Protein backbone atom coordinates (compact mmCIF):
# COMPACT_ATOMS: atom_id res chain seq x y z
CA MET A 1 82.88 2.18 21.43
CA THR A 2 79.89 2.49 19.16
CA LEU A 3 78.33 0.05 16.72
CA LEU A 4 76.59 1.53 13.68
CA VAL A 5 73.80 -0.13 11.71
CA PRO A 6 72.68 1.49 8.45
CA PHE A 7 68.99 0.58 8.34
CA ASP A 8 66.66 0.59 5.33
CA GLY A 9 63.99 -1.72 6.70
CA SER A 10 65.01 -4.70 4.58
CA ASP A 11 65.16 -8.21 6.04
CA LEU A 12 68.96 -8.10 5.86
CA ALA A 13 69.05 -4.78 7.72
CA VAL A 14 66.79 -6.25 10.41
CA THR A 15 69.18 -9.19 10.81
CA ALA A 16 72.17 -6.83 10.94
CA LEU A 17 70.43 -4.82 13.66
CA THR A 18 69.64 -7.95 15.64
CA ARG A 19 73.25 -9.11 15.45
CA ALA A 20 74.61 -5.68 16.36
CA THR A 21 72.30 -5.55 19.36
CA GLU A 22 73.41 -8.98 20.56
CA PHE A 23 77.06 -8.06 20.03
CA GLY A 24 76.62 -4.71 21.78
CA GLU A 25 74.98 -6.33 24.78
CA THR A 26 77.84 -8.78 25.27
CA ARG A 27 80.48 -6.06 25.00
CA GLY A 28 78.64 -3.17 26.61
CA GLU A 29 78.75 -1.09 23.43
CA GLU A 30 76.15 1.39 22.24
CA VAL A 31 74.21 0.59 19.07
CA VAL A 32 73.30 3.48 16.81
CA VAL A 33 70.88 2.84 13.96
CA LEU A 34 71.12 5.21 11.01
CA THR A 35 68.48 5.55 8.33
CA VAL A 36 69.41 7.77 5.42
CA VAL A 37 66.47 9.06 3.38
CA PRO A 38 67.44 10.82 0.15
CA ASP A 39 65.15 13.65 -0.92
CA ASP A 40 63.97 11.55 -3.85
CA SER A 41 60.45 10.15 -4.00
CA SER A 42 61.33 7.70 -6.79
CA PHE A 43 64.06 6.18 -4.58
CA ALA A 44 61.52 5.74 -1.78
CA VAL A 45 59.10 4.02 -4.16
CA GLU A 46 61.88 1.79 -5.56
CA ARG A 47 62.82 0.71 -2.02
CA GLY A 48 59.20 -0.01 -1.09
CA TRP A 49 59.13 2.71 1.56
CA ILE A 50 56.07 4.26 -0.08
CA ASN A 51 53.75 3.26 -2.89
CA ALA A 52 53.70 5.06 -6.23
CA GLY A 53 51.45 8.11 -6.00
CA GLU A 54 51.66 8.23 -2.19
CA PRO A 55 52.84 11.50 -0.64
CA PHE A 56 56.59 11.63 -0.05
CA ASP A 57 57.19 12.92 3.47
CA ILE A 58 60.73 12.50 4.82
CA ASP A 59 59.67 13.21 8.41
CA GLN A 60 56.97 10.55 8.24
CA LEU A 61 59.40 8.04 6.76
CA CYS A 62 61.84 8.75 9.58
CA GLU A 63 59.07 8.24 12.15
CA ASN A 64 58.10 4.95 10.50
CA PHE A 65 61.70 3.72 10.58
CA GLU A 66 62.16 4.85 14.17
CA GLN A 67 59.07 2.88 15.26
CA ARG A 68 60.30 -0.21 13.43
CA VAL A 69 63.75 0.06 15.02
CA ALA A 70 62.18 0.50 18.48
CA GLU A 71 60.29 -2.76 17.99
CA ILE A 72 63.48 -4.63 17.07
CA ALA A 73 66.04 -2.95 19.33
CA PRO A 74 64.43 -0.68 21.94
CA GLU A 75 67.78 0.14 23.57
CA ALA A 76 69.37 1.36 20.32
CA THR A 77 69.77 5.03 19.50
CA PHE A 78 68.04 6.01 16.26
CA ARG A 79 69.17 8.68 13.80
CA CYS A 80 67.54 9.64 10.53
CA GLU A 81 69.40 11.85 8.08
CA THR A 82 68.90 13.30 4.64
CA PRO A 83 72.09 13.55 2.59
CA ALA A 84 73.51 17.01 2.05
CA GLU A 85 73.36 18.41 -1.46
CA ASN A 86 76.09 16.99 -3.67
CA ASP A 87 77.80 19.04 -6.37
CA ALA A 88 78.95 15.97 -8.29
CA LEU A 89 76.75 15.55 -11.35
CA THR A 90 77.34 11.79 -11.41
CA ALA A 91 76.48 11.15 -7.74
CA THR A 92 73.69 8.67 -7.19
CA ALA A 93 71.39 8.25 -4.19
CA ILE A 94 73.60 5.32 -3.13
CA ASP A 95 76.69 7.57 -3.29
CA ASP A 96 74.89 10.13 -1.13
CA ILE A 97 73.81 7.47 1.39
CA THR A 98 77.32 6.04 1.55
CA ARG A 99 78.80 9.50 2.10
CA THR A 100 76.29 10.16 4.90
CA VAL A 101 77.01 6.83 6.61
CA ARG A 102 80.75 7.53 6.46
CA ARG A 103 80.26 11.00 7.92
CA VAL A 104 78.16 9.70 10.81
CA ALA A 105 80.61 6.83 11.42
CA GLY A 106 83.39 9.40 11.72
CA GLU A 107 81.36 11.61 14.07
CA LEU A 108 80.60 8.69 16.36
CA ASP A 109 84.07 7.11 16.23
CA VAL A 110 82.44 3.82 15.26
CA SER A 111 84.29 0.58 15.94
CA ILE A 112 82.12 -1.72 13.78
CA ILE A 113 79.49 -1.18 11.11
CA PHE A 114 76.90 -3.94 10.75
CA ILE A 115 75.67 -3.95 7.15
CA GLY A 116 72.84 -6.05 5.78
CA THR A 117 73.63 -6.62 2.11
CA GLU A 118 73.88 -9.57 -0.19
CA ASN A 119 76.21 -7.65 -2.50
CA ALA A 120 79.22 -6.46 -0.48
CA GLY A 121 82.53 -8.00 -1.36
CA ARG A 122 81.53 -9.53 -4.66
CA ILE A 123 83.69 -9.12 -7.73
CA SER A 124 81.12 -6.96 -9.46
CA THR A 125 79.87 -4.06 -7.41
CA PRO A 126 76.19 -3.26 -7.87
CA VAL A 127 75.09 0.36 -7.74
CA THR A 128 72.19 -0.51 -5.42
CA SER A 129 74.22 -1.30 -2.30
CA VAL A 130 76.19 0.79 0.18
CA GLY A 131 77.83 -2.43 1.40
CA SER A 132 80.73 -2.58 -1.04
CA PRO A 133 82.00 0.98 -0.64
CA LEU A 134 81.61 0.92 3.15
CA SER A 135 83.33 -2.45 3.47
CA LYS A 136 86.47 -0.94 1.92
CA ASP A 137 86.89 1.74 4.62
CA PRO A 138 89.81 0.96 6.94
CA GLU A 139 88.57 3.20 9.80
CA TYR A 140 86.31 0.53 11.28
CA ASP A 141 85.58 -3.17 11.11
CA VAL A 142 82.62 -4.31 9.05
CA HIS A 143 80.23 -7.14 9.84
CA ILE A 144 78.40 -8.09 6.66
CA VAL A 145 75.08 -9.88 6.95
CA ARG A 146 74.27 -11.71 3.71
CA HIS A 147 71.44 -13.95 4.92
CA ALA A 148 68.30 -12.84 6.73
CA GLU A 149 67.27 -14.89 9.73
């Protein structure tokens, strides 16, 4: 079985990765870390991945995330993806990220997704989190991390 950790570099994502790694070690399961980088410089600035006015380089962002993941969980497999073009005019970057995480989860036959989000499962669903839509998928279990360590 495979454990999947969507990773955006946030404190909650770091905690989710740490927990997934501990869980994977006890059960002998592979941990795959997935960073999804939309081709959108304003999204990268909003997330704090780059500063305003800094060059937007997806490959460099992926390298930065890969290095960070290697520091936290050296045994984990790292993947970095850019969402495919979406024909839906109303699709947001979060929709594209969610779709990409679901696709990768299906490819890997994931047993559990470890999500770091303070928003999943609340009555109101914010548009800034992939946690709520992913937590509704019945194909895999979901471990939601709401508090950073």
